[in-house]
Amino acid sequence: MQLSNGLEIIITALGSNFIAQFYKFIVHLINHKKINLKTLVQTGGMPSSHSAFMMGMATSTGLITGFDSVAFAIALTVSLVVMYDAAGLRRSVGKQASVLNQIVSEVFSEHPHLSSQHFRELLGHTPFEVLVGALLGITVALWTHGF
């Protein structure tokens, strides 16, 4: 059965994302010897599922419409913005959360109900995690399209 071009792009993007998240799930299972289903949907960590998703979508778009098409140019541009955000802004927010958690635990140490509130710290990615995610997305797109 031949899939429509749009459906191929969606399947490639979602497949790239799933593989990245499933990898994180398996690594957590191996390292901690317990199942944590949250790792299938959590942000942060190696590889970047955002980057895998976006580069899978962009590469798939390029393979279908041509790498000189307007559709590919838009897909790639949006992908680069998302990857920059994952390694830049979201990573900075994670670092700020870490500092805030430390402040809260120190300032409110005598008030357990206040000091137990924590911000999620692992939000963004290192540039290497973004790169690996992008390479994963490109690889899945090439595999999906038979290259």
N, C-alpha and C. Protein backbone atom coordinates (compact mmCIF):
# COMPACT_ATOMS: atom_id res chain seq x y z
N MET A 1 0.84 -1.18 0.00
CA MET A 1 0.00 0.00 0.00
C MET A 1 0.88 1.24 0.00
N GLN A 2 0.63 2.13 -0.90
CA GLN A 2 1.39 3.38 -1.02
C GLN A 2 0.77 4.44 -0.12
N LEU A 3 1.58 5.03 0.74
CA LEU A 3 1.10 6.09 1.62
C LEU A 3 1.15 7.42 0.89
N SER A 4 0.28 8.34 1.29
CA SER A 4 0.35 9.69 0.73
C SER A 4 1.61 10.37 1.25
N ASN A 5 2.07 11.37 0.52
CA ASN A 5 3.30 12.07 0.92
C ASN A 5 3.18 12.68 2.31
N GLY A 6 2.04 13.29 2.59
CA GLY A 6 1.83 13.90 3.90
C GLY A 6 1.88 12.88 5.01
N LEU A 7 1.27 11.72 4.78
CA LEU A 7 1.27 10.66 5.79
C LEU A 7 2.67 10.11 6.00
N GLU A 8 3.46 10.01 4.94
CA GLU A 8 4.85 9.56 5.08
C GLU A 8 5.64 10.51 5.97
N ILE A 9 5.42 11.79 5.78
CA ILE A 9 6.14 12.80 6.58
C ILE A 9 5.74 12.67 8.05
N ILE A 10 4.45 12.53 8.31
CA ILE A 10 3.96 12.40 9.68
C ILE A 10 4.49 11.13 10.33
N ILE A 11 4.43 10.02 9.63
CA ILE A 11 4.91 8.75 10.17
C ILE A 11 6.41 8.83 10.46
N THR A 12 7.16 9.46 9.58
CA THR A 12 8.60 9.62 9.80
C THR A 12 8.87 10.46 11.04
N ALA A 13 8.19 11.57 11.18
CA ALA A 13 8.40 12.45 12.33
C ALA A 13 8.02 11.74 13.62
N LEU A 14 6.85 11.12 13.65
CA LEU A 14 6.41 10.41 14.85
C LEU A 14 7.30 9.21 15.16
N GLY A 15 7.71 8.50 14.12
CA GLY A 15 8.61 7.36 14.32
C GLY A 15 9.94 7.79 14.91
N SER A 16 10.48 8.89 14.42
CA SER A 16 11.74 9.42 14.95
C SER A 16 11.60 9.78 16.42
N ASN A 17 10.49 10.43 16.75
CA ASN A 17 10.22 10.82 18.12
C ASN A 17 10.08 9.58 19.01
N PHE A 18 9.33 8.60 18.54
CA PHE A 18 9.12 7.38 19.33
C PHE A 18 10.44 6.65 19.59
N ILE A 19 11.27 6.54 18.58
CA ILE A 19 12.56 5.85 18.75
C ILE A 19 13.42 6.57 19.78
N ALA A 20 13.46 7.90 19.72
CA ALA A 20 14.25 8.67 20.69
C ALA A 20 13.72 8.45 22.11
N GLN A 21 12.41 8.52 22.29
CA GLN A 21 11.83 8.35 23.61
C GLN A 21 11.98 6.91 24.10
N PHE A 22 11.82 5.94 23.21
CA PHE A 22 11.96 4.54 23.59
C PHE A 22 13.40 4.24 24.02
N TYR A 23 14.36 4.87 23.35
CA TYR A 23 15.76 4.71 23.74
C TYR A 23 15.96 5.20 25.18
N LYS A 24 15.38 6.36 25.51
CA LYS A 24 15.49 6.89 26.87
C LYS A 24 14.85 5.93 27.88
N PHE A 25 13.72 5.34 27.48
CA PHE A 25 13.03 4.37 28.34
C PHE A 25 13.93 3.16 28.62
N ILE A 26 14.55 2.63 27.58
CA ILE A 26 15.42 1.46 27.72
C ILE A 26 16.64 1.79 28.57
N VAL A 27 17.26 2.94 28.34
CA VAL A 27 18.43 3.34 29.13
C VAL A 27 18.05 3.46 30.60
N HIS A 28 16.90 4.07 30.87
CA HIS A 28 16.45 4.20 32.26
C HIS A 28 16.20 2.83 32.87
N LEU A 29 15.60 1.94 32.13
CA LEU A 29 15.33 0.58 32.61
C LEU A 29 16.64 -0.15 32.95
N ILE A 30 17.63 -0.02 32.08
CA ILE A 30 18.93 -0.67 32.31
C ILE A 30 19.64 -0.05 33.51
N ASN A 31 19.64 1.28 33.60
CA ASN A 31 20.38 1.97 34.66
C ASN A 31 19.72 1.83 36.04
N HIS A 32 18.39 1.83 36.07
CA HIS A 32 17.68 1.85 37.36
C HIS A 32 16.97 0.54 37.68
N LYS A 33 17.00 -0.41 36.75
CA LYS A 33 16.39 -1.73 36.95
C LYS A 33 14.90 -1.65 37.30
N LYS A 34 14.22 -0.61 36.79
CA LYS A 34 12.78 -0.51 36.99
C LYS A 34 12.14 0.24 35.82
N ILE A 35 10.89 -0.09 35.59
CA ILE A 35 10.14 0.52 34.49
C ILE A 35 9.62 1.88 34.93
N ASN A 36 9.86 2.87 34.10
CA ASN A 36 9.33 4.21 34.34
C ASN A 36 8.69 4.68 33.03
N LEU A 37 7.38 4.54 32.94
CA LEU A 37 6.68 4.92 31.71
C LEU A 37 6.74 6.42 31.42
N LYS A 38 7.03 7.22 32.45
CA LYS A 38 7.14 8.67 32.25
C LYS A 38 8.26 9.02 31.26
N THR A 39 9.29 8.16 31.20
CA THR A 39 10.41 8.44 30.30
C THR A 39 9.97 8.41 28.83
N LEU A 40 8.81 7.83 28.56
CA LEU A 40 8.31 7.80 27.18
C LEU A 40 7.75 9.15 26.74
N VAL A 41 7.49 10.05 27.70
CA VAL A 41 6.91 11.35 27.34
C VAL A 41 7.66 12.55 27.92
N GLN A 42 8.66 12.30 28.77
CA GLN A 42 9.38 13.41 29.39
C GLN A 42 10.32 14.09 28.41
N THR A 43 10.53 15.39 28.65
CA THR A 43 11.47 16.14 27.82
C THR A 43 12.87 16.04 28.42
N GLY A 44 13.86 16.42 27.62
CA GLY A 44 15.24 16.42 28.08
C GLY A 44 15.89 15.06 27.89
N GLY A 45 17.19 15.05 28.02
CA GLY A 45 17.93 13.79 27.93
C GLY A 45 18.42 13.47 26.53
N MET A 46 19.11 12.34 26.46
CA MET A 46 19.76 11.88 25.22
C MET A 46 18.95 10.78 24.57
N PRO A 47 18.67 10.88 23.29
CA PRO A 47 18.84 12.03 22.38
C PRO A 47 17.62 12.95 22.46
N SER A 48 17.72 14.10 21.86
CA SER A 48 16.62 15.04 21.83
C SER A 48 15.52 14.51 20.91
N SER A 49 14.38 14.20 21.49
CA SER A 49 13.26 13.72 20.67
C SER A 49 12.67 14.86 19.85
N HIS A 50 12.76 16.08 20.35
CA HIS A 50 12.30 17.24 19.58
C HIS A 50 13.12 17.36 18.29
N SER A 51 14.42 17.22 18.41
CA SER A 51 15.29 17.32 17.25
C SER A 51 15.06 16.16 16.29
N ALA A 52 14.88 14.96 16.83
CA ALA A 52 14.61 13.80 15.99
C ALA A 52 13.31 14.00 15.21
N PHE A 53 12.28 14.43 15.90
CA PHE A 53 10.97 14.67 15.28
C PHE A 53 11.09 15.70 14.15
N MET A 54 11.71 16.83 14.48
CA MET A 54 11.77 17.94 13.51
C MET A 54 12.66 17.62 12.32
N MET A 55 13.82 17.03 12.55
CA MET A 55 14.70 16.70 11.42
C MET A 55 14.16 15.52 10.62
N GLY A 56 13.44 14.61 11.27
CA GLY A 56 12.75 13.56 10.53
C GLY A 56 11.73 14.16 9.58
N MET A 57 10.96 15.12 10.09
CA MET A 57 9.96 15.81 9.28
C MET A 57 10.62 16.60 8.15
N ALA A 58 11.64 17.35 8.47
CA ALA A 58 12.30 18.19 7.46
C ALA A 58 12.97 17.34 6.38
N THR A 59 13.68 16.30 6.79
CA THR A 59 14.36 15.45 5.81
C THR A 59 13.34 14.72 4.94
N SER A 60 12.28 14.23 5.54
CA SER A 60 11.23 13.56 4.79
C SER A 60 10.60 14.52 3.78
N THR A 61 10.38 15.75 4.21
CA THR A 61 9.83 16.77 3.30
C THR A 61 10.78 17.00 2.13
N GLY A 62 12.07 17.10 2.42
CA GLY A 62 13.06 17.31 1.37
C GLY A 62 13.13 16.14 0.40
N LEU A 63 13.04 14.93 0.93
CA LEU A 63 13.08 13.75 0.06
C LEU A 63 11.86 13.67 -0.85
N ILE A 64 10.74 14.14 -0.38
CA ILE A 64 9.50 14.08 -1.17
C ILE A 64 9.38 15.26 -2.13
N THR A 65 9.63 16.46 -1.64
CA THR A 65 9.39 17.67 -2.46
C THR A 65 10.64 18.20 -3.13
N GLY A 66 11.80 17.69 -2.73
CA GLY A 66 13.07 18.20 -3.24
C GLY A 66 13.70 19.14 -2.24
N PHE A 67 15.02 19.08 -2.16
CA PHE A 67 15.73 19.91 -1.19
C PHE A 67 15.87 21.36 -1.63
N ASP A 68 15.34 21.68 -2.80
CA ASP A 68 15.31 23.07 -3.25
C ASP A 68 13.89 23.64 -3.22
N SER A 69 12.95 22.93 -2.58
CA SER A 69 11.56 23.36 -2.54
C SER A 69 11.31 24.33 -1.40
N VAL A 70 10.25 25.11 -1.54
CA VAL A 70 9.83 26.03 -0.48
C VAL A 70 9.40 25.23 0.75
N ALA A 71 8.71 24.12 0.54
CA ALA A 71 8.26 23.29 1.66
C ALA A 71 9.44 22.82 2.51
N PHE A 72 10.53 22.38 1.86
CA PHE A 72 11.70 21.95 2.62
C PHE A 72 12.34 23.13 3.33
N ALA A 73 12.42 24.27 2.68
CA ALA A 73 13.02 25.46 3.31
C ALA A 73 12.26 25.83 4.58
N ILE A 74 10.94 25.79 4.52
CA ILE A 74 10.13 26.11 5.70
C ILE A 74 10.34 25.04 6.78
N ALA A 75 10.29 23.77 6.39
CA ALA A 75 10.46 22.68 7.35
C ALA A 75 11.81 22.76 8.05
N LEU A 76 12.87 23.01 7.28
CA LEU A 76 14.21 23.09 7.86
C LEU A 76 14.33 24.30 8.78
N THR A 77 13.80 25.43 8.37
CA THR A 77 13.88 26.64 9.18
C THR A 77 13.17 26.46 10.52
N VAL A 78 11.97 25.91 10.48
CA VAL A 78 11.23 25.67 11.73
C VAL A 78 11.98 24.65 12.59
N SER A 79 12.56 23.64 11.97
CA SER A 79 13.33 22.63 12.70
C SER A 79 14.52 23.26 13.42
N LEU A 80 15.23 24.13 12.74
CA LEU A 80 16.39 24.78 13.35
C LEU A 80 15.99 25.66 14.53
N VAL A 81 14.84 26.32 14.43
CA VAL A 81 14.35 27.14 15.54
C VAL A 81 14.03 26.26 16.75
N VAL A 82 13.35 25.14 16.51
CA VAL A 82 13.00 24.22 17.60
C VAL A 82 14.27 23.66 18.24
N MET A 83 15.25 23.28 17.43
CA MET A 83 16.49 22.71 17.98
C MET A 83 17.29 23.76 18.74
N TYR A 84 17.31 24.98 18.25
CA TYR A 84 17.99 26.06 18.96
C TYR A 84 17.31 26.29 20.31
N ASP A 85 15.99 26.28 20.29
CA ASP A 85 15.22 26.48 21.52
C ASP A 85 15.50 25.36 22.51
N ALA A 86 15.57 24.12 22.04
CA ALA A 86 15.82 22.97 22.92
C ALA A 86 17.18 23.08 23.60
N ALA A 87 18.18 23.54 22.88
CA ALA A 87 19.53 23.62 23.43
C ALA A 87 19.80 24.96 24.11
N GLY A 88 19.00 25.96 23.82
CA GLY A 88 19.25 27.28 24.37
C GLY A 88 18.28 27.65 25.47
N LEU A 89 17.13 28.13 25.08
CA LEU A 89 16.16 28.65 26.04
C LEU A 89 15.70 27.60 27.04
N ARG A 90 15.28 26.44 26.57
CA ARG A 90 14.77 25.42 27.48
C ARG A 90 15.85 24.90 28.41
N ARG A 91 17.09 24.83 27.92
CA ARG A 91 18.19 24.40 28.79
C ARG A 91 18.45 25.45 29.87
N SER A 92 18.37 26.72 29.51
CA SER A 92 18.56 27.79 30.49
C SER A 92 17.46 27.76 31.55
N VAL A 93 16.24 27.50 31.15
CA VAL A 93 15.13 27.39 32.09
C VAL A 93 15.39 26.23 33.06
N GLY A 94 15.93 25.13 32.56
CA GLY A 94 16.26 23.99 33.42
C GLY A 94 17.33 24.35 34.44
N LYS A 95 18.32 25.12 34.02
CA LYS A 95 19.37 25.55 34.95
C LYS A 95 18.80 26.49 36.01
N GLN A 96 17.89 27.38 35.60
CA GLN A 96 17.25 28.27 36.55
C GLN A 96 16.40 27.49 37.55
N ALA A 97 15.72 26.45 37.07
CA ALA A 97 14.92 25.61 37.96
C ALA A 97 15.81 24.95 39.01
N SER A 98 17.00 24.53 38.61
CA SER A 98 17.93 23.91 39.54
C SER A 98 18.32 24.89 40.65
N VAL A 99 18.62 26.11 40.28
CA VAL A 99 18.99 27.13 41.26
C VAL A 99 17.81 27.43 42.18
N LEU A 100 16.62 27.57 41.60
CA LEU A 100 15.43 27.84 42.41
C LEU A 100 15.15 26.70 43.38
N ASN A 101 15.32 25.47 42.93
CA ASN A 101 15.11 24.33 43.82
C ASN A 101 16.07 24.35 45.00
N GLN A 102 17.32 24.73 44.73
CA GLN A 102 18.31 24.81 45.79
C GLN A 102 17.94 25.91 46.79
N ILE A 103 17.52 27.05 46.27
CA ILE A 103 17.13 28.17 47.14
C ILE A 103 15.93 27.78 48.00
N VAL A 104 14.93 27.18 47.38
CA VAL A 104 13.73 26.79 48.12
C VAL A 104 14.07 25.79 49.21
N SER A 105 14.91 24.80 48.90
CA SER A 105 15.25 23.79 49.91
C SER A 105 16.05 24.38 51.06
N GLU A 106 16.88 25.39 50.78
CA GLU A 106 17.67 26.01 51.84
C GLU A 106 16.84 26.99 52.67
N VAL A 107 16.08 27.84 51.99
CA VAL A 107 15.32 28.89 52.69
C VAL A 107 14.16 28.29 53.48
N PHE A 108 13.50 27.29 52.91
CA PHE A 108 12.32 26.71 53.55
C PHE A 108 12.60 25.33 54.15
N SER A 109 13.84 25.08 54.55
CA SER A 109 14.20 23.75 55.07
C SER A 109 13.41 23.37 56.32
N GLU A 110 12.96 24.35 57.07
CA GLU A 110 12.19 24.06 58.29
C GLU A 110 10.70 23.94 58.01
N HIS A 111 10.31 24.10 56.76
CA HIS A 111 8.90 23.99 56.37
C HIS A 111 8.78 22.92 55.29
N PRO A 112 8.67 21.65 55.69
CA PRO A 112 8.70 20.55 54.72
C PRO A 112 7.66 20.66 53.61
N HIS A 113 6.50 21.20 53.92
CA HIS A 113 5.48 21.31 52.87
C HIS A 113 5.86 22.33 51.81
N LEU A 114 6.69 23.30 52.16
CA LEU A 114 7.16 24.28 51.18
C LEU A 114 8.44 23.81 50.50
N SER A 115 9.34 23.20 51.24
CA SER A 115 10.62 22.79 50.66
C SER A 115 10.49 21.54 49.79
N SER A 116 9.34 20.87 49.85
CA SER A 116 9.17 19.67 49.02
C SER A 116 8.70 20.02 47.61
N GLN A 117 8.34 21.25 47.38
CA GLN A 117 7.94 21.68 46.04
C GLN A 117 9.17 21.89 45.18
N HIS A 118 9.23 21.19 44.03
CA HIS A 118 10.40 21.31 43.16
C HIS A 118 9.99 21.56 41.72
N PHE A 119 10.79 22.38 41.06
CA PHE A 119 10.61 22.61 39.63
C PHE A 119 11.34 21.52 38.86
N ARG A 120 10.81 21.16 37.73
CA ARG A 120 11.45 20.15 36.88
C ARG A 120 12.71 20.77 36.25
N GLU A 121 13.85 20.11 36.40
CA GLU A 121 15.13 20.67 35.96
C GLU A 121 15.56 20.19 34.57
N LEU A 122 15.22 18.98 34.21
CA LEU A 122 15.68 18.43 32.93
C LEU A 122 14.67 18.80 31.84
N LEU A 123 14.81 19.99 31.30
CA LEU A 123 13.87 20.48 30.29
C LEU A 123 14.51 20.56 28.91
N GLY A 124 15.74 20.98 28.86
CA GLY A 124 16.41 21.19 27.59
C GLY A 124 17.46 20.13 27.31
N HIS A 125 18.30 20.44 26.35
CA HIS A 125 19.30 19.49 25.88
C HIS A 125 20.66 20.17 25.72
N THR A 126 21.69 19.37 25.81
CA THR A 126 23.01 19.85 25.44
C THR A 126 23.07 19.90 23.91
N PRO A 127 23.99 20.67 23.36
CA PRO A 127 24.11 20.68 21.90
C PRO A 127 24.35 19.29 21.32
N PHE A 128 25.10 18.45 22.04
CA PHE A 128 25.36 17.09 21.56
C PHE A 128 24.08 16.26 21.50
N GLU A 129 23.22 16.39 22.52
CA GLU A 129 21.94 15.68 22.52
C GLU A 129 21.06 16.12 21.35
N VAL A 130 21.11 17.41 21.04
CA VAL A 130 20.36 17.95 19.90
C VAL A 130 20.92 17.39 18.60
N LEU A 131 22.23 17.35 18.48
CA LEU A 131 22.87 16.82 17.27
C LEU A 131 22.51 15.35 17.07
N VAL A 132 22.61 14.55 18.13
CA VAL A 132 22.29 13.13 18.01
C VAL A 132 20.82 12.94 17.64
N GLY A 133 19.94 13.74 18.24
CA GLY A 133 18.53 13.68 17.88
C GLY A 133 18.30 14.02 16.41
N ALA A 134 18.98 15.06 15.93
CA ALA A 134 18.85 15.46 14.53
C ALA A 134 19.34 14.35 13.60
N LEU A 135 20.47 13.74 13.94
CA LEU A 135 20.99 12.64 13.13
C LEU A 135 20.05 11.44 13.14
N LEU A 136 19.43 11.19 14.28
CA LEU A 136 18.44 10.12 14.36
C LEU A 136 17.27 10.40 13.43
N GLY A 137 16.76 11.62 13.45
CA GLY A 137 15.64 11.99 12.58
C GLY A 137 15.99 11.85 11.10
N ILE A 138 17.18 12.28 10.73
CA ILE A 138 17.63 12.15 9.34
C ILE A 138 17.73 10.68 8.96
N THR A 139 18.28 9.87 9.85
CA THR A 139 18.43 8.44 9.58
C THR A 139 17.08 7.75 9.41
N VAL A 140 16.14 8.07 10.29
CA VAL A 140 14.80 7.47 10.19
C VAL A 140 14.13 7.89 8.89
N ALA A 141 14.29 9.14 8.49
CA ALA A 141 13.70 9.61 7.23
C ALA A 141 14.30 8.88 6.04
N LEU A 142 15.60 8.73 6.03
CA LEU A 142 16.26 8.01 4.93
C LEU A 142 15.79 6.55 4.89
N TRP A 143 15.69 5.93 6.07
CA TRP A 143 15.24 4.54 6.14
C TRP A 143 13.78 4.42 5.68
N THR A 144 12.93 5.34 6.14
CA THR A 144 11.50 5.31 5.77
C THR A 144 11.32 5.43 4.26
N HIS A 145 12.15 6.23 3.64
CA HIS A 145 12.01 6.48 2.21
C HIS A 145 12.88 5.54 1.36
N GLY A 146 13.46 4.56 1.99
CA GLY A 146 14.17 3.51 1.26
C GLY A 146 15.57 3.85 0.79
N PHE A 147 16.25 4.73 1.52
CA PHE A 147 17.62 5.06 1.13
C PHE A 147 18.62 4.31 1.97
